[in-house]
Amino acid sequence: MEIKADNNNEQFPMVDENGNILGVISRGEAHNGSKKLHPVVHLHVFNSKGELYLQKRPEWKDIQPNKWDTAVGGHVNFGENTEMALKREAKEELGICDFEAENIGIYVFESDREKELVYAYKTTFDGLINANTKELETGRFWTPDEIVNCYGKNVFTPNFESEYKKFFGCKK
């Protein structure tokens, strides 16, 4: 049986709050409580009905396992820019390549284990989504009411909840 785990040796840029590269760190170092700022990309995928696709994080993830999260989320690897990372992650996680991403904001997110410089994007996509179960457990479109009804009930990652409220105005 294959044991899945994040690769703690992956290399990420360490950045300042303006995105300037200060050095390189490993995934393990980024997630061990060091709070070294590193860039990530998030893509919110809406369909034309206004529903939002969310992915369920698998139980083996080192951060927020078994929680529903942004459709696409991933680290920017050392040597990549955010656009490259966004395209790579969207293809890896959802099998989507042909989309136009709109930048909706950049902010710092901090948890008890990490500190990320988040580049958030959104898109409307009505094509086929082929969730990669090696990357995520499952995924589906959620109505705004479903999201509001589950908000604050430990269903979603804290990062998703704060981002949803910030950019899409959750009324909770």
N, C-alpha and C. Protein backbone atom coordinates (compact mmCIF):
# COMPACT_ATOMS: atom_id res chain seq x y z
N MET A 1 0.84 -1.19 0.00
CA MET A 1 0.00 0.00 0.00
C MET A 1 0.89 1.25 0.00
N GLU A 2 0.58 2.15 -0.90
CA GLU A 2 1.35 3.40 -1.00
C GLU A 2 0.99 4.34 0.14
N ILE A 3 2.00 4.85 0.81
CA ILE A 3 1.78 5.84 1.87
C ILE A 3 2.00 7.21 1.26
N LYS A 4 0.96 8.04 1.33
CA LYS A 4 1.05 9.38 0.76
C LYS A 4 1.49 10.37 1.83
N ALA A 5 2.29 11.32 1.41
CA ALA A 5 2.74 12.38 2.32
C ALA A 5 3.27 13.52 1.47
N ASP A 6 3.26 14.72 2.05
CA ASP A 6 3.86 15.85 1.36
C ASP A 6 5.37 15.68 1.33
N ASN A 7 6.01 16.20 0.30
CA ASN A 7 7.46 16.12 0.15
C ASN A 7 8.10 17.27 0.93
N ASN A 8 8.64 16.96 2.09
CA ASN A 8 9.22 17.99 2.95
C ASN A 8 10.49 18.61 2.39
N ASN A 9 11.01 18.04 1.30
CA ASN A 9 12.24 18.58 0.70
C ASN A 9 11.98 19.52 -0.47
N GLU A 10 10.71 19.70 -0.87
CA GLU A 10 10.40 20.66 -1.93
C GLU A 10 11.00 22.01 -1.56
N GLN A 11 11.43 22.77 -2.56
CA GLN A 11 12.08 24.06 -2.33
C GLN A 11 11.16 25.21 -2.71
N PHE A 12 10.95 26.12 -1.75
CA PHE A 12 10.10 27.29 -1.95
C PHE A 12 10.94 28.55 -1.75
N PRO A 13 10.57 29.63 -2.44
CA PRO A 13 11.24 30.89 -2.15
C PRO A 13 10.78 31.43 -0.80
N MET A 14 11.68 32.01 -0.07
CA MET A 14 11.33 32.77 1.13
C MET A 14 11.27 34.22 0.68
N VAL A 15 10.17 34.91 1.03
CA VAL A 15 9.94 36.25 0.49
C VAL A 15 9.64 37.25 1.61
N ASP A 16 9.67 38.54 1.24
CA ASP A 16 9.18 39.57 2.15
C ASP A 16 7.72 39.85 1.77
N GLU A 17 7.08 40.77 2.47
CA GLU A 17 5.65 41.02 2.23
C GLU A 17 5.35 41.67 0.89
N ASN A 18 6.40 42.10 0.16
CA ASN A 18 6.22 42.62 -1.19
C ASN A 18 6.52 41.57 -2.26
N GLY A 19 6.84 40.35 -1.82
CA GLY A 19 7.12 39.27 -2.75
C GLY A 19 8.56 39.19 -3.22
N ASN A 20 9.43 40.02 -2.67
CA ASN A 20 10.85 39.97 -3.04
C ASN A 20 11.49 38.72 -2.44
N ILE A 21 12.23 37.99 -3.25
CA ILE A 21 12.85 36.75 -2.81
C ILE A 21 14.06 37.05 -1.92
N LEU A 22 14.04 36.44 -0.74
CA LEU A 22 15.11 36.63 0.24
C LEU A 22 16.01 35.41 0.36
N GLY A 23 15.52 34.27 -0.11
CA GLY A 23 16.28 33.04 0.00
C GLY A 23 15.41 31.86 -0.40
N VAL A 24 15.81 30.67 0.03
CA VAL A 24 15.08 29.45 -0.29
C VAL A 24 14.90 28.64 1.00
N ILE A 25 13.72 28.00 1.11
CA ILE A 25 13.44 27.14 2.25
C ILE A 25 12.77 25.86 1.75
N SER A 26 12.81 24.83 2.55
CA SER A 26 12.14 23.57 2.22
C SER A 26 10.69 23.62 2.70
N ARG A 27 9.86 22.74 2.16
CA ARG A 27 8.47 22.63 2.63
C ARG A 27 8.46 22.34 4.12
N GLY A 28 9.32 21.44 4.55
CA GLY A 28 9.39 21.10 5.97
C GLY A 28 9.65 22.32 6.83
N GLU A 29 10.59 23.16 6.40
CA GLU A 29 10.90 24.38 7.15
C GLU A 29 9.75 25.38 7.09
N ALA A 30 9.08 25.45 5.94
CA ALA A 30 7.95 26.37 5.78
C ALA A 30 6.79 26.01 6.70
N HIS A 31 6.64 24.71 7.03
CA HIS A 31 5.49 24.24 7.80
C HIS A 31 5.83 23.80 9.22
N ASN A 32 7.02 24.09 9.69
CA ASN A 32 7.41 23.59 11.02
C ASN A 32 7.23 24.62 12.13
N GLY A 33 6.55 25.70 11.84
CA GLY A 33 6.36 26.74 12.85
C GLY A 33 7.38 27.86 12.76
N SER A 34 8.26 27.81 11.77
CA SER A 34 9.30 28.84 11.61
C SER A 34 8.70 30.19 11.22
N LYS A 35 7.51 30.15 10.61
CA LYS A 35 6.81 31.35 10.15
C LYS A 35 7.60 32.12 9.09
N LYS A 36 8.43 31.41 8.34
CA LYS A 36 9.14 32.05 7.24
C LYS A 36 8.17 32.24 6.09
N LEU A 37 8.00 33.47 5.67
CA LEU A 37 7.01 33.83 4.66
C LEU A 37 7.37 33.21 3.31
N HIS A 38 6.39 32.53 2.71
CA HIS A 38 6.58 31.88 1.40
C HIS A 38 5.31 32.07 0.58
N PRO A 39 5.45 32.18 -0.76
CA PRO A 39 4.29 32.48 -1.61
C PRO A 39 3.48 31.24 -1.99
N VAL A 40 2.17 31.45 -2.05
CA VAL A 40 1.24 30.43 -2.52
C VAL A 40 0.24 31.07 -3.48
N VAL A 41 -0.41 30.24 -4.27
CA VAL A 41 -1.46 30.71 -5.18
C VAL A 41 -2.77 30.01 -4.83
N HIS A 42 -3.86 30.75 -4.93
CA HIS A 42 -5.21 30.21 -4.75
C HIS A 42 -6.04 30.60 -5.97
N LEU A 43 -6.83 29.67 -6.47
CA LEU A 43 -7.74 29.95 -7.58
C LEU A 43 -9.14 29.54 -7.15
N HIS A 44 -10.05 30.51 -7.13
CA HIS A 44 -11.46 30.27 -6.86
C HIS A 44 -12.14 30.03 -8.20
N VAL A 45 -12.71 28.85 -8.37
CA VAL A 45 -13.32 28.45 -9.64
C VAL A 45 -14.83 28.47 -9.48
N PHE A 46 -15.46 29.44 -10.14
CA PHE A 46 -16.91 29.56 -10.16
C PHE A 46 -17.43 28.98 -11.48
N ASN A 47 -18.68 28.50 -11.48
CA ASN A 47 -19.33 28.18 -12.74
C ASN A 47 -20.26 29.34 -13.09
N SER A 48 -20.89 29.27 -14.23
CA SER A 48 -21.72 30.40 -14.67
C SER A 48 -23.00 30.55 -13.84
N LYS A 49 -23.31 29.56 -12.99
CA LYS A 49 -24.47 29.67 -12.08
C LYS A 49 -24.08 30.35 -10.77
N GLY A 50 -22.81 30.70 -10.61
CA GLY A 50 -22.36 31.36 -9.38
C GLY A 50 -21.98 30.41 -8.27
N GLU A 51 -21.91 29.12 -8.58
CA GLU A 51 -21.48 28.14 -7.59
C GLU A 51 -19.95 28.11 -7.56
N LEU A 52 -19.40 27.79 -6.40
CA LEU A 52 -17.96 27.79 -6.20
C LEU A 52 -17.46 26.37 -5.99
N TYR A 53 -16.47 25.97 -6.79
CA TYR A 53 -15.88 24.64 -6.66
C TYR A 53 -14.92 24.64 -5.47
N LEU A 54 -15.07 23.65 -4.61
CA LEU A 54 -14.15 23.47 -3.49
C LEU A 54 -13.57 22.07 -3.53
N GLN A 55 -12.33 21.95 -3.04
CA GLN A 55 -11.71 20.64 -2.94
C GLN A 55 -11.67 20.21 -1.48
N LYS A 56 -11.78 18.91 -1.28
CA LYS A 56 -11.62 18.37 0.07
C LYS A 56 -10.19 17.86 0.19
N ARG A 57 -9.49 18.39 1.17
CA ARG A 57 -8.09 18.02 1.39
C ARG A 57 -8.03 16.58 1.92
N PRO A 58 -7.10 15.78 1.42
CA PRO A 58 -7.00 14.40 1.90
C PRO A 58 -6.46 14.32 3.33
N GLU A 59 -6.69 13.18 3.96
CA GLU A 59 -6.29 13.01 5.36
C GLU A 59 -4.78 13.02 5.55
N TRP A 60 -4.00 12.77 4.49
CA TRP A 60 -2.55 12.70 4.64
C TRP A 60 -1.86 14.06 4.54
N LYS A 61 -2.60 15.13 4.23
CA LYS A 61 -1.98 16.45 4.11
C LYS A 61 -1.43 16.91 5.46
N ASP A 62 -0.30 17.62 5.43
CA ASP A 62 0.32 18.05 6.68
C ASP A 62 -0.35 19.29 7.26
N ILE A 63 -1.11 20.01 6.46
CA ILE A 63 -1.84 21.20 6.93
C ILE A 63 -3.33 21.00 6.62
N GLN A 64 -4.20 21.14 7.62
CA GLN A 64 -5.66 21.11 7.49
C GLN A 64 -6.20 19.88 6.72
N PRO A 65 -5.85 18.67 7.15
CA PRO A 65 -6.41 17.49 6.48
C PRO A 65 -7.93 17.41 6.66
N ASN A 66 -8.60 16.79 5.70
CA ASN A 66 -10.04 16.51 5.74
C ASN A 66 -10.94 17.75 5.77
N LYS A 67 -10.41 18.89 5.39
CA LYS A 67 -11.22 20.12 5.36
C LYS A 67 -11.46 20.51 3.90
N TRP A 68 -12.58 21.19 3.67
CA TRP A 68 -12.88 21.74 2.35
C TRP A 68 -12.12 23.05 2.20
N ASP A 69 -11.61 23.28 0.99
CA ASP A 69 -10.69 24.39 0.76
C ASP A 69 -10.88 24.95 -0.65
N THR A 70 -10.16 26.02 -0.92
CA THR A 70 -10.15 26.66 -2.24
C THR A 70 -9.93 25.60 -3.33
N ALA A 71 -10.57 25.79 -4.48
CA ALA A 71 -10.50 24.81 -5.57
C ALA A 71 -9.06 24.44 -5.91
N VAL A 72 -8.22 25.45 -6.05
CA VAL A 72 -6.81 25.23 -6.37
C VAL A 72 -5.99 26.01 -5.37
N GLY A 73 -5.05 25.34 -4.77
CA GLY A 73 -4.15 26.01 -3.84
C GLY A 73 -2.82 25.30 -3.83
N GLY A 74 -1.76 26.06 -3.96
CA GLY A 74 -0.46 25.42 -3.95
C GLY A 74 0.67 26.41 -3.78
N HIS A 75 1.79 25.86 -3.47
CA HIS A 75 2.99 26.66 -3.27
C HIS A 75 3.62 27.07 -4.60
N VAL A 76 4.26 28.20 -4.57
CA VAL A 76 5.10 28.63 -5.68
C VAL A 76 6.46 27.98 -5.43
N ASN A 77 6.90 27.18 -6.37
CA ASN A 77 8.21 26.53 -6.23
C ASN A 77 9.32 27.52 -6.51
N PHE A 78 10.49 27.25 -5.94
CA PHE A 78 11.64 28.11 -6.20
C PHE A 78 11.93 28.08 -7.70
N GLY A 79 12.06 29.26 -8.31
CA GLY A 79 12.30 29.37 -9.75
C GLY A 79 11.04 29.61 -10.57
N GLU A 80 9.88 29.53 -9.95
CA GLU A 80 8.60 29.80 -10.63
C GLU A 80 8.11 31.19 -10.29
N ASN A 81 7.27 31.74 -11.19
CA ASN A 81 6.53 32.94 -10.82
C ASN A 81 5.10 32.51 -10.49
N THR A 82 4.27 33.43 -10.01
CA THR A 82 2.92 33.06 -9.57
C THR A 82 2.05 32.55 -10.73
N GLU A 83 2.21 33.13 -11.91
CA GLU A 83 1.41 32.67 -13.06
C GLU A 83 1.76 31.23 -13.41
N MET A 84 3.03 30.91 -13.42
CA MET A 84 3.46 29.53 -13.70
C MET A 84 2.91 28.57 -12.65
N ALA A 85 2.99 28.96 -11.39
CA ALA A 85 2.50 28.11 -10.30
C ALA A 85 0.99 27.91 -10.40
N LEU A 86 0.26 28.97 -10.73
CA LEU A 86 -1.19 28.87 -10.85
C LEU A 86 -1.58 27.90 -11.96
N LYS A 87 -0.96 28.02 -13.11
CA LYS A 87 -1.25 27.12 -14.24
C LYS A 87 -0.89 25.68 -13.88
N ARG A 88 0.27 25.48 -13.25
CA ARG A 88 0.72 24.13 -12.87
C ARG A 88 -0.25 23.51 -11.87
N GLU A 89 -0.60 24.25 -10.84
CA GLU A 89 -1.49 23.72 -9.80
C GLU A 89 -2.89 23.44 -10.34
N ALA A 90 -3.43 24.31 -11.19
CA ALA A 90 -4.77 24.08 -11.77
C ALA A 90 -4.78 22.80 -12.61
N LYS A 91 -3.71 22.59 -13.35
CA LYS A 91 -3.62 21.37 -14.17
C LYS A 91 -3.44 20.14 -13.28
N GLU A 92 -2.54 20.23 -12.28
CA GLU A 92 -2.28 19.09 -11.40
C GLU A 92 -3.51 18.71 -10.59
N GLU A 93 -4.21 19.68 -10.02
CA GLU A 93 -5.30 19.39 -9.10
C GLU A 93 -6.64 19.15 -9.76
N LEU A 94 -6.96 19.93 -10.81
CA LEU A 94 -8.29 19.84 -11.42
C LEU A 94 -8.28 19.46 -12.89
N GLY A 95 -7.10 19.36 -13.47
CA GLY A 95 -7.02 19.01 -14.89
C GLY A 95 -7.50 20.12 -15.81
N ILE A 96 -7.49 21.37 -15.35
CA ILE A 96 -7.94 22.48 -16.20
C ILE A 96 -6.73 23.30 -16.65
N CYS A 97 -6.76 23.65 -17.93
CA CYS A 97 -5.65 24.41 -18.53
C CYS A 97 -6.14 25.69 -19.18
N ASP A 98 -7.34 25.66 -19.75
CA ASP A 98 -7.84 26.76 -20.55
C ASP A 98 -8.77 27.64 -19.72
N PHE A 99 -8.18 28.61 -18.99
CA PHE A 99 -8.97 29.51 -18.16
C PHE A 99 -8.27 30.85 -18.08
N GLU A 100 -9.06 31.88 -17.84
CA GLU A 100 -8.55 33.23 -17.62
C GLU A 100 -8.67 33.54 -16.15
N ALA A 101 -7.54 33.80 -15.52
CA ALA A 101 -7.55 34.09 -14.08
C ALA A 101 -7.50 35.59 -13.85
N GLU A 102 -8.36 36.05 -12.94
CA GLU A 102 -8.37 37.46 -12.54
C GLU A 102 -7.76 37.56 -11.14
N ASN A 103 -6.74 38.39 -11.01
CA ASN A 103 -6.12 38.59 -9.70
C ASN A 103 -7.09 39.38 -8.83
N ILE A 104 -7.42 38.82 -7.66
CA ILE A 104 -8.37 39.51 -6.77
C ILE A 104 -7.70 40.04 -5.50
N GLY A 105 -6.44 39.69 -5.28
CA GLY A 105 -5.77 40.25 -4.12
C GLY A 105 -4.54 39.49 -3.69
N ILE A 106 -3.74 40.16 -2.90
CA ILE A 106 -2.53 39.59 -2.30
C ILE A 106 -2.57 39.95 -0.82
N TYR A 107 -2.32 38.97 0.03
CA TYR A 107 -2.35 39.23 1.46
C TYR A 107 -1.49 38.21 2.19
N VAL A 108 -1.20 38.47 3.44
CA VAL A 108 -0.44 37.55 4.28
C VAL A 108 -1.42 36.78 5.15
N PHE A 109 -1.29 35.45 5.13
CA PHE A 109 -2.07 34.58 6.01
C PHE A 109 -1.12 33.89 6.97
N GLU A 110 -1.47 33.92 8.25
CA GLU A 110 -0.62 33.29 9.25
C GLU A 110 -1.45 32.35 10.11
N SER A 111 -0.93 31.13 10.28
CA SER A 111 -1.54 30.16 11.19
C SER A 111 -0.52 29.84 12.27
N ASP A 112 -0.83 28.86 13.08
CA ASP A 112 0.12 28.49 14.13
C ASP A 112 1.36 27.79 13.58
N ARG A 113 1.30 27.29 12.33
CA ARG A 113 2.42 26.54 11.76
C ARG A 113 3.13 27.22 10.60
N GLU A 114 2.49 28.20 9.98
CA GLU A 114 3.11 28.77 8.79
C GLU A 114 2.65 30.20 8.55
N LYS A 115 3.34 30.85 7.62
CA LYS A 115 3.01 32.21 7.21
C LYS A 115 3.17 32.26 5.70
N GLU A 116 2.08 32.61 5.00
CA GLU A 116 2.07 32.57 3.55
C GLU A 116 1.75 33.94 2.96
N LEU A 117 2.38 34.24 1.83
CA LEU A 117 2.00 35.38 1.02
C LEU A 117 1.09 34.82 -0.07
N VAL A 118 -0.21 35.09 0.06
CA VAL A 118 -1.22 34.47 -0.80
C VAL A 118 -1.54 35.38 -1.98
N TYR A 119 -1.43 34.82 -3.18
CA TYR A 119 -1.84 35.47 -4.41
C TYR A 119 -3.17 34.82 -4.80
N ALA A 120 -4.26 35.55 -4.63
CA ALA A 120 -5.60 35.00 -4.86
C ALA A 120 -6.14 35.42 -6.23
N TYR A 121 -6.75 34.46 -6.90
CA TYR A 121 -7.32 34.66 -8.23
C TYR A 121 -8.71 34.04 -8.26
N LYS A 122 -9.50 34.45 -9.26
CA LYS A 122 -10.78 33.80 -9.51
C LYS A 122 -10.95 33.62 -11.01
N THR A 123 -11.81 32.68 -11.36
CA THR A 123 -12.15 32.44 -12.75
C THR A 123 -13.56 31.86 -12.81
N THR A 124 -14.19 31.98 -13.98
CA THR A 124 -15.45 31.29 -14.25
C THR A 124 -15.12 30.20 -15.25
N PHE A 125 -15.52 28.98 -14.92
CA PHE A 125 -15.15 27.82 -15.73
C PHE A 125 -16.32 26.85 -15.76
N ASP A 126 -16.79 26.54 -16.96
CA ASP A 126 -17.90 25.59 -17.12
C ASP A 126 -17.47 24.31 -17.82
N GLY A 127 -16.19 24.13 -18.00
CA GLY A 127 -15.68 22.93 -18.65
C GLY A 127 -15.59 21.76 -17.69
N LEU A 128 -14.99 20.68 -18.17
CA LEU A 128 -14.83 19.46 -17.39
C LEU A 128 -13.76 19.65 -16.33
N ILE A 129 -14.09 19.31 -15.10
CA ILE A 129 -13.13 19.31 -14.00
C ILE A 129 -12.84 17.86 -13.67
N ASN A 130 -11.58 17.50 -13.72
CA ASN A 130 -11.15 16.14 -13.45
C ASN A 130 -10.26 16.15 -12.21
N ALA A 131 -10.90 16.08 -11.02
CA ALA A 131 -10.16 16.17 -9.76
C ALA A 131 -9.14 15.04 -9.65
N ASN A 132 -7.91 15.41 -9.39
CA ASN A 132 -6.81 14.45 -9.26
C ASN A 132 -6.80 13.91 -7.84
N THR A 133 -7.21 12.67 -7.66
CA THR A 133 -7.31 12.10 -6.32
C THR A 133 -5.95 11.76 -5.72
N LYS A 134 -4.87 11.99 -6.46
CA LYS A 134 -3.54 11.90 -5.85
C LYS A 134 -3.20 13.20 -5.15
N GLU A 135 -3.90 14.28 -5.52
CA GLU A 135 -3.66 15.61 -4.95
C GLU A 135 -4.73 16.00 -3.92
N LEU A 136 -5.97 15.57 -4.14
CA LEU A 136 -7.08 15.93 -3.27
C LEU A 136 -8.02 14.75 -3.13
N GLU A 137 -8.84 14.78 -2.09
CA GLU A 137 -9.75 13.65 -1.86
C GLU A 137 -10.91 13.66 -2.85
N THR A 138 -11.55 14.81 -2.99
CA THR A 138 -12.68 14.96 -3.90
C THR A 138 -12.94 16.45 -4.09
N GLY A 139 -13.94 16.78 -4.87
CA GLY A 139 -14.30 18.18 -5.06
C GLY A 139 -15.70 18.28 -5.63
N ARG A 140 -16.32 19.45 -5.43
CA ARG A 140 -17.65 19.68 -5.99
C ARG A 140 -17.96 21.17 -5.95
N PHE A 141 -19.00 21.55 -6.70
CA PHE A 141 -19.49 22.93 -6.66
C PHE A 141 -20.44 23.11 -5.47
N TRP A 142 -20.29 24.24 -4.80
CA TRP A 142 -21.12 24.60 -3.65
C TRP A 142 -21.90 25.87 -3.99
N THR A 143 -23.18 25.91 -3.57
CA THR A 143 -23.95 27.15 -3.73
C THR A 143 -23.51 28.12 -2.63
N PRO A 144 -23.74 29.42 -2.84
CA PRO A 144 -23.42 30.37 -1.78
C PRO A 144 -24.13 30.05 -0.47
N ASP A 145 -25.38 29.58 -0.52
CA ASP A 145 -26.12 29.23 0.70
C ASP A 145 -25.47 28.05 1.42
N GLU A 146 -25.00 27.05 0.68
CA GLU A 146 -24.33 25.92 1.31
C GLU A 146 -23.07 26.38 2.05
N ILE A 147 -22.32 27.29 1.42
CA ILE A 147 -21.10 27.80 2.06
C ILE A 147 -21.46 28.56 3.33
N VAL A 148 -22.42 29.45 3.26
CA VAL A 148 -22.82 30.23 4.43
C VAL A 148 -23.31 29.31 5.55
N ASN A 149 -24.07 28.27 5.21
CA ASN A 149 -24.61 27.37 6.23
C ASN A 149 -23.52 26.54 6.92
N CYS A 150 -22.39 26.32 6.27
CA CYS A 150 -21.30 25.54 6.86
C CYS A 150 -20.19 26.41 7.43
N TYR A 151 -20.26 27.69 7.17
CA TYR A 151 -19.24 28.64 7.60
C TYR A 151 -19.13 28.65 9.13
N GLY A 152 -17.91 28.56 9.65
CA GLY A 152 -17.68 28.61 11.09
C GLY A 152 -17.99 27.30 11.82
N LYS A 153 -18.21 26.22 11.08
CA LYS A 153 -18.57 24.93 11.69
C LYS A 153 -17.48 23.88 11.51
N ASN A 154 -16.24 24.32 11.29
CA ASN A 154 -15.09 23.41 11.17
C ASN A 154 -15.16 22.51 9.93
N VAL A 155 -15.90 22.96 8.92
CA VAL A 155 -16.01 22.23 7.66
C VAL A 155 -14.91 22.69 6.70
N PHE A 156 -14.63 23.99 6.70
CA PHE A 156 -13.68 24.61 5.79
C PHE A 156 -12.36 24.91 6.51
N THR A 157 -11.31 25.09 5.72
CA THR A 157 -10.05 25.55 6.31
C THR A 157 -10.24 26.99 6.78
N PRO A 158 -9.55 27.39 7.84
CA PRO A 158 -9.64 28.78 8.28
C PRO A 158 -9.20 29.76 7.19
N ASN A 159 -8.21 29.37 6.39
CA ASN A 159 -7.74 30.23 5.32
C ASN A 159 -8.84 30.45 4.29
N PHE A 160 -9.57 29.38 3.91
CA PHE A 160 -10.66 29.54 2.95
C PHE A 160 -11.73 30.48 3.52
N GLU A 161 -12.10 30.26 4.78
CA GLU A 161 -13.16 31.09 5.37
C GLU A 161 -12.78 32.57 5.39
N SER A 162 -11.55 32.86 5.77
CA SER A 162 -11.15 34.28 5.82
C SER A 162 -11.07 34.86 4.42
N GLU A 163 -10.60 34.08 3.46
CA GLU A 163 -10.50 34.56 2.09
C GLU A 163 -11.88 34.74 1.46
N TYR A 164 -12.78 33.82 1.72
CA TYR A 164 -14.13 33.93 1.17
C TYR A 164 -14.81 35.19 1.70
N LYS A 165 -14.68 35.42 3.00
CA LYS A 165 -15.27 36.61 3.61
C LYS A 165 -14.65 37.89 3.04
N LYS A 166 -13.34 37.88 2.89
CA LYS A 166 -12.61 39.06 2.41
C LYS A 166 -12.99 39.42 0.97
N PHE A 167 -13.06 38.43 0.09
CA PHE A 167 -13.26 38.72 -1.32
C PHE A 167 -14.69 38.56 -1.83
N PHE A 168 -15.49 37.75 -1.14
CA PHE A 168 -16.83 37.47 -1.64
C PHE A 168 -17.93 37.84 -0.66
N GLY A 169 -17.56 38.37 0.51
CA GLY A 169 -18.51 38.97 1.43
C GLY A 169 -19.45 38.02 2.14
N CYS A 170 -18.95 36.91 2.67
CA CYS A 170 -19.80 36.01 3.45
C CYS A 170 -20.50 36.80 4.54
N LYS A 171 -21.78 36.60 4.67
CA LYS A 171 -22.60 37.39 5.61
C LYS A 171 -22.55 36.88 7.04
N LYS A 172 -21.75 35.86 7.33
CA LYS A 172 -21.65 35.32 8.69
C LYS A 172 -20.73 36.16 9.52
